[in-house]
C-alpha atoms as a PDB file:
ATOM      1  CA  UNK A   1      65.326  92.529 109.284  1.00  0.00           C
ATOM      2  CA  UNK A   2      62.642  94.505 107.342  1.00  0.00           C
ATOM      3  CA  UNK A   3      62.043  93.789 103.815  1.00  0.00           C
ATOM      4  CA  UNK A   4      64.341  96.837 102.080  1.00  0.00           C
ATOM      5  CA  UNK A   5      61.840  99.431 100.450  1.00  0.00           C
ATOM      6  CA  UNK A   6      64.028 100.891  97.078  1.00  0.00           C
ATOM      7  CA  UNK A   7      67.079 101.098  95.061  1.00  0.00           C
ATOM      8  CA  UNK A   8      69.029 102.885  98.136  1.00  0.00           C
ATOM      9  CA  UNK A   9      69.211  99.323 100.142  1.00  0.00           C
ATOM     10  CA  UNK A  10      71.253  98.314  97.257  1.00  0.00           C
ATOM     11  CA  UNK A  11      73.227 101.452  97.014  1.00  0.00           C
ATOM     12  CA  UNK A  12      74.143 100.741 100.966  1.00  0.00           C
ATOM     13  CA  UNK A  13      74.693  97.408 100.693  1.00  0.00           C
ATOM     14  CA  UNK A  14      77.163  98.286  97.652  1.00  0.00           C
ATOM     15  CA  UNK A  15      78.741 101.142  99.840  1.00  0.00           C
ATOM     16  CA  UNK A  16      79.104  98.623 103.025  1.00  0.00           C
ATOM     17  CA  UNK A  17      81.053  95.926 100.812  1.00  0.00           C
ATOM     18  CA  UNK A  18      83.070  98.682  99.081  1.00  0.00           C
ATOM     19  CA  UNK A  19      84.277  99.901 102.677  1.00  0.00           C
ATOM     20  CA  UNK A  20      85.118  96.507 103.524  1.00  0.00           C
ATOM     21  CA  UNK A  21      87.234  95.636 100.617  1.00  0.00           C
ATOM     22  CA  UNK A  22      89.183  98.919 101.953  1.00  0.00           C
ATOM     23  CA  UNK A  23      89.548  98.309 105.234  1.00  0.00           C
ATOM     24  CA  UNK A  24      90.548  94.187 104.858  1.00  0.00           C
ATOM     25  CA  UNK A  25      92.538  93.909 101.251  1.00  0.00           C
ATOM     26  CA  UNK A  26      93.382  90.643 102.981  1.00  0.00           C
ATOM     27  CA  UNK A  27      89.849  89.371 102.340  1.00  0.00           C
ATOM     28  CA  UNK A  28      89.215  91.107  99.315  1.00  0.00           C
ATOM     29  CA  UNK A  29      86.953  87.777  98.228  1.00  0.00           C
ATOM     30  CA  UNK A  30      84.484  88.874 100.839  1.00  0.00           C
ATOM     31  CA  UNK A  31      83.956  91.810  99.209  1.00  0.00           C
ATOM     32  CA  UNK A  32      83.464  90.541  95.937  1.00  0.00           C
ATOM     33  CA  UNK A  33      81.170  87.752  97.148  1.00  0.00           C
ATOM     34  CA  UNK A  34      79.117  89.713  98.815  1.00  0.00           C
ATOM     35  CA  UNK A  35      79.192  92.517  95.840  1.00  0.00           C
ATOM     36  CA  UNK A  36      77.681  89.605  93.560  1.00  0.00           C
ATOM     37  CA  UNK A  37      75.360  88.876  95.557  1.00  0.00           C
ATOM     38  CA  UNK A  38      73.879  91.898  95.992  1.00  0.00           C
ATOM     39  CA  UNK A  39      74.272  92.516  92.453  1.00  0.00           C
ATOM     40  CA  UNK A  40      71.215  89.779  91.429  1.00  0.00           C
ATOM     41  CA  UNK A  41      68.536  92.067  93.188  1.00  0.00           C
ATOM     42  CA  UNK A  42      69.257  94.052  89.906  1.00  0.00           C
ATOM     43  CA  UNK A  43      69.926  91.133  86.891  1.00  0.00           C
ATOM     44  CA  UNK A  44      67.576  89.347  85.022  1.00  0.00           C
ATOM     45  CA  UNK A  45      66.694  86.391  86.380  1.00  0.00           C
ATOM     46  CA  UNK A  46      68.037  82.830  84.148  1.00  0.00           C
ATOM     47  CA  UNK A  47      64.709  82.770  81.809  1.00  0.00           C
ATOM     48  CA  UNK A  48      65.044  86.171  80.575  1.00  0.00           C
ATOM     49  CA  UNK A  49      62.733  87.703  83.033  1.00  0.00           C
ATOM     50  CA  UNK A  50      63.302  90.624  85.518  1.00  0.00           C
ATOM     51  CA  UNK A  51      63.354  90.100  89.094  1.00  0.00           C
ATOM     52  CA  UNK A  52      61.109  92.180  90.848  1.00  0.00           C
ATOM     53  CA  UNK A  53      61.830  95.827  92.502  1.00  0.00           C
ATOM     54  CA  UNK A  54      63.164  95.809  95.838  1.00  0.00           C
ATOM     55  CA  UNK A  55      60.174  97.259  97.282  1.00  0.00           C
ATOM     56  CA  UNK A  56      58.254  93.933  95.859  1.00  0.00           C
ATOM     57  CA  UNK A  57      61.025  91.440  97.325  1.00  0.00           C
ATOM     58  CA  UNK A  58      59.401  88.785 100.218  1.00  0.00           C
ATOM     59  CA  UNK A  59      60.827  88.680 103.513  1.00  0.00           C
ATOM     60  CA  UNK A  60      62.050  85.250 102.992  1.00  0.00           C
ATOM     61  CA  UNK A  61      64.315  86.002 100.301  1.00  0.00           C
ATOM     62  CA  UNK A  62      65.913  89.162 101.781  1.00  0.00           C
ATOM     63  CA  UNK A  63      66.653  86.981 105.022  1.00  0.00           C
ATOM     64  CA  UNK A  64      67.522  84.545 102.510  1.00  0.00           C
ATOM     65  CA  UNK A  65      70.443  87.580 100.995  1.00  0.00           C
ATOM     66  CA  UNK A  66      71.507  88.714 104.319  1.00  0.00           C
ATOM     67  CA  UNK A  67      72.339  84.908 105.925  1.00  0.00           C
ATOM     68  CA  UNK A  68      74.319  84.294 102.966  1.00  0.00           C
ATOM     69  CA  UNK A  69      76.340  87.173 102.890  1.00  0.00           C
ATOM     70  CA  UNK A  70      76.688  86.834 106.696  1.00  0.00           C
ATOM     71  CA  UNK A  71      77.875  83.360 106.118  1.00  0.00           C
ATOM     72  CA  UNK A  72      80.708  84.470 103.368  1.00  0.00           C
ATOM     73  CA  UNK A  73      81.761  86.869 105.660  1.00  0.00           C
ATOM     74  CA  UNK A  74      82.078  84.505 108.849  1.00  0.00           C
ATOM     75  CA  UNK A  75      84.029  81.851 106.799  1.00  0.00           C
ATOM     76  CA  UNK A  76      86.540  84.547 105.230  1.00  0.00           C
ATOM     77  CA  UNK A  77      87.237  86.207 108.365  1.00  0.00           C
ATOM     78  CA  UNK A  78      88.473  82.580 110.210  1.00  0.00           C
ATOM     79  CA  UNK A  79      90.892  82.614 107.506  1.00  0.00           C
ATOM     80  CA  UNK A  80      91.815  86.212 107.693  1.00  0.00           C
ATOM     81  CA  UNK A  81      92.033  86.343 111.558  1.00  0.00           C
ATOM     82  CA  UNK A  82      94.581  83.567 111.729  1.00  0.00           C
ATOM     83  CA  UNK A  83      97.531  86.530 110.573  1.00  0.00           C
ATOM     84  CA  UNK A  84      95.735  89.307 108.684  1.00  0.00           C
ATOM     85  CA  UNK A  85      98.850  89.576 106.496  1.00  0.00           C
ATOM     86  CA  UNK A  86      99.845  86.361 104.631  1.00  0.00           C
ATOM     87  CA  UNK A  87     103.084  86.710 106.007  1.00  0.00           C
ATOM     88  CA  UNK A  88     105.867  84.900 108.554  1.00  0.00           C
ATOM     89  CA  UNK A  89     106.530  87.206 111.740  1.00  0.00           C
ATOM     90  CA  UNK A  90     110.037  86.536 111.867  1.00  0.00           C
ATOM     91  CA  UNK A  91     110.202  88.558 115.203  1.00  0.00           C
ATOM     92  CA  UNK A  92     107.398  86.689 116.756  1.00  0.00           C
ATOM     93  CA  UNK A  93     109.123  83.206 116.058  1.00  0.00           C
ATOM     94  CA  UNK A  94     112.533  83.610 117.187  1.00  0.00           C
ATOM     95  CA  UNK A  95     112.777  87.153 118.064  1.00  0.00           C
ATOM     96  CA  UNK A  96     113.291  88.884 121.508  1.00  0.00           C
ATOM     97  CA  UNK A  97     113.451  92.278 122.766  1.00  0.00           C
ATOM     98  CA  UNK A  98     117.127  93.585 122.911  1.00  0.00           C
ATOM     99  CA  UNK A  99     116.780  97.221 123.790  1.00  0.00           C
ATOM    100  CA  UNK A 100     113.923  99.695 123.852  1.00  0.00           C
ATOM    101  CA  UNK A 101     113.189 103.139 125.248  1.00  0.00           C
ATOM    102  CA  UNK A 102     111.456 103.950 128.201  1.00  0.00           C
ATOM    103  CA  UNK A 103     108.288 102.378 129.787  1.00  0.00           C
ATOM    104  CA  UNK A 104     105.207 104.638 130.155  1.00  0.00           C
ATOM    105  CA  UNK A 105     103.699 103.224 133.699  1.00  0.00           C
ATOM    106  CA  UNK A 106     104.598  99.781 135.771  1.00  0.00           C
ATOM    107  CA  UNK A 107     102.183  97.180 134.450  1.00  0.00           C
ATOM    108  CA  UNK A 108     102.861  94.313 132.643  1.00  0.00           C
ATOM    109  CA  UNK A 109     100.190  95.019 130.095  1.00  0.00           C
ATOM    110  CA  UNK A 110     102.932  97.826 129.063  1.00  0.00           C
ATOM    111  CA  UNK A 111     105.832  95.500 128.871  1.00  0.00           C
ATOM    112  CA  UNK A 112     107.947  95.678 125.496  1.00  0.00           C
ATOM    113  CA  UNK A 113     108.000  92.400 124.939  1.00  0.00           C
ATOM    114  CA  UNK A 114     104.477  92.860 123.955  1.00  0.00           C
ATOM    115  CA  UNK A 115     104.882  93.847 120.662  1.00  0.00           C
ATOM    116  CA  UNK A 116     106.570  90.257 119.215  1.00  0.00           C
ATOM    117  CA  UNK A 117     103.204  89.165 120.509  1.00  0.00           C
ATOM    118  CA  UNK A 118      99.834  88.220 118.671  1.00  0.00           C
ATOM    119  CA  UNK A 119      97.146  89.861 121.095  1.00  0.00           C
ATOM    120  CA  UNK A 120      96.258  93.744 120.233  1.00  0.00           C
ATOM    121  CA  UNK A 121      93.667  94.103 123.482  1.00  0.00           C
ATOM    122  CA  UNK A 122      93.142  97.133 124.240  1.00  0.00           C
ATOM    123  CA  UNK A 123      95.867  98.521 126.742  1.00  0.00           C
ATOM    124  CA  UNK A 124      97.837  95.280 126.039  1.00  0.00           C
ATOM    125  CA  UNK A 125     100.985  97.541 124.442  1.00  0.00           C
ATOM    126  CA  UNK A 126     104.573  98.465 124.883  1.00  0.00           C
ATOM    127  CA  UNK A 127     103.425 101.986 126.218  1.00  0.00           C
ATOM    128  CA  UNK A 128     106.909 104.207 125.843  1.00  0.00           C
ATOM    129  CA  UNK A 129     106.959 107.758 127.249  1.00  0.00           C
ATOM    130  CA  UNK A 130     106.052 110.645 125.359  1.00  0.00           C
ATOM    131  CA  UNK A 131     105.641 111.017 121.597  1.00  0.00           C
ATOM    132  CA  UNK A 132     108.437 109.184 119.999  1.00  0.00           C
ATOM    133  CA  UNK A 133     110.619 105.905 121.311  1.00  0.00           C
ATOM    134  CA  UNK A 134     112.409 103.041 119.875  1.00  0.00           C
ATOM    135  CA  UNK A 135     113.070  99.350 120.156  1.00  0.00           C
ATOM    136  CA  UNK A 136     115.284  96.986 118.724  1.00  0.00           C
ATOM    137  CA  UNK A 137     114.477  93.276 117.886  1.00  0.00           C
ATOM    138  CA  UNK A 138     117.223  90.940 117.826  1.00  0.00           C
ATOM    139  CA  UNK A 139     116.671  87.333 115.902  1.00  0.00           C
ATOM    140  CA  UNK A 140     118.080  84.270 116.501  1.00  0.00           C
ATOM    141  CA  UNK A 141     118.920  84.076 112.661  1.00  0.00           C
ATOM    142  CA  UNK A 142     119.091  86.607 110.325  1.00  0.00           C
ATOM    143  CA  UNK A 143     116.724  87.136 107.734  1.00  0.00           C
ATOM    144  CA  UNK A 144     116.194  89.060 104.223  1.00  0.00           C
ATOM    145  CA  UNK A 145     113.969  91.911 105.097  1.00  0.00           C
ATOM    146  CA  UNK A 146     111.197  92.365 102.874  1.00  0.00           C
ATOM    147  CA  UNK A 147     108.652  94.677 104.620  1.00  0.00           C
ATOM    148  CA  UNK A 148     106.938  95.151 108.183  1.00  0.00           C
ATOM    149  CA  UNK A 149     103.749  95.663 109.376  1.00  0.00           C
ATOM    150  CA  UNK A 150     102.993  97.467 112.267  1.00  0.00           C
ATOM    151  CA  UNK A 151      99.287  96.689 114.303  1.00  0.00           C
ATOM    152  CA  UNK A 152      97.115  98.284 116.602  1.00  0.00           C
ATOM    153  CA  UNK A 153      93.918  97.962 118.749  1.00  0.00           C
ATOM    154  CA  UNK A 154      90.899  98.761 116.144  1.00  0.00           C
ATOM    155  CA  UNK A 155      89.717 101.770 115.888  1.00  0.00           C
ATOM    156  CA  UNK A 156      86.231 100.686 117.073  1.00  0.00           C
ATOM    157  CA  UNK A 157      87.731  99.900 120.575  1.00  0.00           C
ATOM    158  CA  UNK A 158      89.488 102.816 120.707  1.00  0.00           C
ATOM    159  CA  UNK A 159      88.352 106.553 122.674  1.00  0.00           C
ATOM    160  CA  UNK A 160      89.450 110.024 121.678  1.00  0.00           C
ATOM    161  CA  UNK A 161      92.555 109.794 124.017  1.00  0.00           C
ATOM    162  CA  UNK A 162      93.492 106.415 123.210  1.00  0.00           C
ATOM    163  CA  UNK A 163      93.776 107.626 119.218  1.00  0.00           C
ATOM    164  CA  UNK A 164      96.233 110.372 120.139  1.00  0.00           C
ATOM    165  CA  UNK A 165      99.046 107.549 121.439  1.00  0.00           C
ATOM    166  CA  UNK A 166      98.969 105.459 118.274  1.00  0.00           C
ATOM    167  CA  UNK A 167     102.236 105.600 116.025  1.00  0.00           C
ATOM    168  CA  UNK A 168     102.448 107.835 113.266  1.00  0.00           C
ATOM    169  CA  UNK A 169     105.716 108.586 111.695  1.00  0.00           C
ATOM    170  CA  UNK A 170     108.120 105.778 112.026  1.00  0.00           C
ATOM    171  CA  UNK A 171     111.340 104.417 110.674  1.00  0.00           C
ATOM    172  CA  UNK A 172     113.432 101.406 110.346  1.00  0.00           C
ATOM    173  CA  UNK A 173     117.044 100.194 110.183  1.00  0.00           C
ATOM    174  CA  UNK A 174     118.917  97.239 110.250  1.00  0.00           C
ATOM    175  CA  UNK A 175     122.482  95.747 111.004  1.00  0.00           C
ATOM    176  CA  UNK A 176     123.789  92.240 111.146  1.00  0.00           C
ATOM    177  CA  UNK A 177     126.587  91.051 113.734  1.00  0.00           C
ATOM    178  CA  UNK A 178     127.151  87.206 113.951  1.00  0.00           C
ATOM    179  CA  UNK A 179     127.662  85.401 117.116  1.00  0.00           C
ATOM    180  CA  UNK A 180     127.458  87.002 120.272  1.00  0.00           C
ATOM    181  CA  UNK A 181     128.418  90.528 119.288  1.00  0.00           C
ATOM    182  CA  UNK A 182     126.246  93.656 119.145  1.00  0.00           C
ATOM    183  CA  UNK A 183     126.165  96.697 116.858  1.00  0.00           C
ATOM    184  CA  UNK A 184     127.845  99.601 119.132  1.00  0.00           C
ATOM    185  CA  UNK A 185     127.766 102.452 116.937  1.00  0.00           C
ATOM    186  CA  UNK A 186     125.044 104.601 114.983  1.00  0.00           C
ATOM    187  CA  UNK A 187     126.374 103.605 111.395  1.00  0.00           C
ATOM    188  CA  UNK A 188     126.431  99.926 112.321  1.00  0.00           C
ATOM    189  CA  UNK A 189     122.408 100.273 110.961  1.00  0.00           C
ATOM    190  CA  UNK A 190     121.698 100.774 107.511  1.00  0.00           C
ATOM    191  CA  UNK A 191     117.867 102.467 107.029  1.00  0.00           C
ATOM    192  CA  UNK A 192     115.494 100.068 105.344  1.00  0.00           C
ATOM    193  CA  UNK A 193     112.253 102.647 105.183  1.00  0.00           C
ATOM    194  CA  UNK A 194     110.595 105.165 106.656  1.00  0.00           C
ATOM    195  CA  UNK A 195     106.940 105.749 106.571  1.00  0.00           C
ATOM    196  CA  UNK A 196     103.462 106.533 108.088  1.00  0.00           C
ATOM    197  CA  UNK A 197     100.859 104.817 110.132  1.00  0.00           C
ATOM    198  CA  UNK A 198      97.508 106.436 108.791  1.00  0.00           C
ATOM    199  CA  UNK A 199      94.374 106.536 111.463  1.00  0.00           C
ATOM    200  CA  UNK A 200      92.452 106.168 108.736  1.00  0.00           C
ATOM    201  CA  UNK A 201      93.790 102.805 107.381  1.00  0.00           C
ATOM    202  CA  UNK A 202      93.004  99.405 108.854  1.00  0.00           C
ATOM    203  CA  UNK A 203      94.596  97.992 112.005  1.00  0.00           C
ATOM    204  CA  UNK A 204      96.967  95.911 110.659  1.00  0.00           C
ATOM    205  CA  UNK A 205      99.013  98.439 108.037  1.00  0.00           C
ATOM    206  CA  UNK A 206     102.306  96.682 105.746  1.00  0.00           C
ATOM    207  CA  UNK A 207     104.941  98.828 104.547  1.00  0.00           C
ATOM    208  CA  UNK A 208     107.771  97.804 101.867  1.00  0.00           C
ATOM    209  CA  UNK A 209     111.648  98.034 102.259  1.00  0.00           C
ATOM    210  CA  UNK A 210     112.101 100.587 100.239  1.00  0.00           C
ATOM    211  CA  UNK A 211     115.927 100.377 100.274  1.00  0.00           C
ATOM    212  CA  UNK A 212     117.846  98.764  97.403  1.00  0.00           C
ATOM    213  CA  UNK A 213     119.673  96.570 100.266  1.00  0.00           C
ATOM    214  CA  UNK A 214     119.278  93.334  98.420  1.00  0.00           C
ATOM    215  CA  UNK A 215     120.754  90.087  99.798  1.00  0.00           C
ATOM    216  CA  UNK A 216     121.906  91.702 103.021  1.00  0.00           C
ATOM    217  CA  UNK A 217     120.893  89.855 105.968  1.00  0.00           C
ATOM    218  CA  UNK A 218     120.041  91.590 109.097  1.00  0.00           C
ATOM    219  CA  UNK A 219     119.700  89.751 112.480  1.00  0.00           C
ATOM    220  CA  UNK A 220     118.755  93.607 114.237  1.00  0.00           C
ATOM    221  CA  UNK A 221     116.408  95.391 114.098  1.00  0.00           C
ATOM    222  CA  UNK A 222     115.523  99.053 115.288  1.00  0.00           C
ATOM    223  CA  UNK A 223     112.124 100.567 114.749  1.00  0.00           C
ATOM    224  CA  UNK A 224     111.709 104.308 116.085  1.00  0.00           C
ATOM    225  CA  UNK A 225     108.643 106.410 116.478  1.00  0.00           C
ATOM    226  CA  UNK A 226     109.977 109.782 115.903  1.00  0.00           C
ATOM    227  CA  UNK A 227     105.847 110.856 116.392  1.00  0.00           C
ATOM    228  CA  UNK A 228     102.768 109.704 117.586  1.00  0.00           C
ATOM    229  CA  UNK A 229      98.675 111.324 116.654  1.00  0.00           C
ATOM    230  CA  UNK A 230      98.907 114.095 119.756  1.00  0.00           C
ATOM    231  CA  UNK A 231      99.678 112.408 123.060  1.00  0.00           C
ATOM    232  CA  UNK A 232     102.713 113.949 125.247  1.00  0.00           C
ATOM    233  CA  UNK A 233     102.393 111.586 127.685  1.00  0.00           C
ATOM    234  CA  UNK A 234     102.864 108.095 125.894  1.00  0.00           C
ATOM    235  CA  UNK A 235     102.690 106.154 122.919  1.00  0.00           C
ATOM    236  CA  UNK A 236     101.520 102.787 122.162  1.00  0.00           C
ATOM    237  CA  UNK A 237     102.895 100.162 120.052  1.00  0.00           C
ATOM    238  CA  UNK A 238     101.035  96.945 119.541  1.00  0.00           C
ATOM    239  CA  UNK A 239     102.745  94.828 117.300  1.00  0.00           C
ATOM    240  CA  UNK A 240     105.742  94.994 115.123  1.00  0.00           C
ATOM    241  CA  UNK A 241     106.007  92.280 112.248  1.00  0.00           C
ATOM    242  CA  UNK A 242     109.373  91.562 110.317  1.00  0.00           C
ATOM    243  CA  UNK A 243     108.334  90.048 107.554  1.00  0.00           C
ATOM    244  CA  UNK A 244     111.445  88.050 104.765  1.00  0.00           C
ATOM    245  CA  UNK A 245     113.052  85.194 104.098  1.00  0.00           C
ATOM    246  CA  UNK A 246     115.424  82.999 105.620  1.00  0.00           C
ATOM    247  CA  UNK A 247     118.732  82.792 105.058  1.00  0.00           C
ATOM    248  CA  UNK A 248     119.839  78.854 104.189  1.00  0.00           C
END
């Protein structure tokens, strides 16, 4: 790592921090601490004397700055990697796949059950045939649903062809049936939310319930993918999370 040559280095640090802040909304502390460290380069020192311009900073000071930022990022990312959204995923906790669209291919890596698991390694998704499809998750207990999350493999791990299979427009419906009874009619399902998964956003995107269904319990959640980002062959759904509160 070389010594910064001019103020442009500070601008690049600030730009990188802003990008990180946007992509990792759940760990804004990373950006805040990194921004604070970077800003010290342009503020007067404690005794009132200005710090030397970036071109005069010595190698050791610059390395210390980078090591501090790296340490902060590593610490916060360890916490962030635990679940990334800070919400219980009831599908992973006590959900099962009740019904689903046709599977593309025959590999276990394409199984519908993958959407309830935390892995987003490239290829370990529910690969459904065509541009659209659906899956219904049955929960062992009803919950009051507040939001949903869709995970996909990080963009940096996908080639251009893989990006085409990412879900785009989706909606979620819910139904409640006690005991061993099951939904049998379309009118059993109530619309909870409609949204779009953006290729330009973070790999985990969370969306709130947009309909006023306060206090209404659900134990069947149906995710419909209405379109993907361009693949006519298949659509890859990596993880579908269901958030809310257990009904006591």
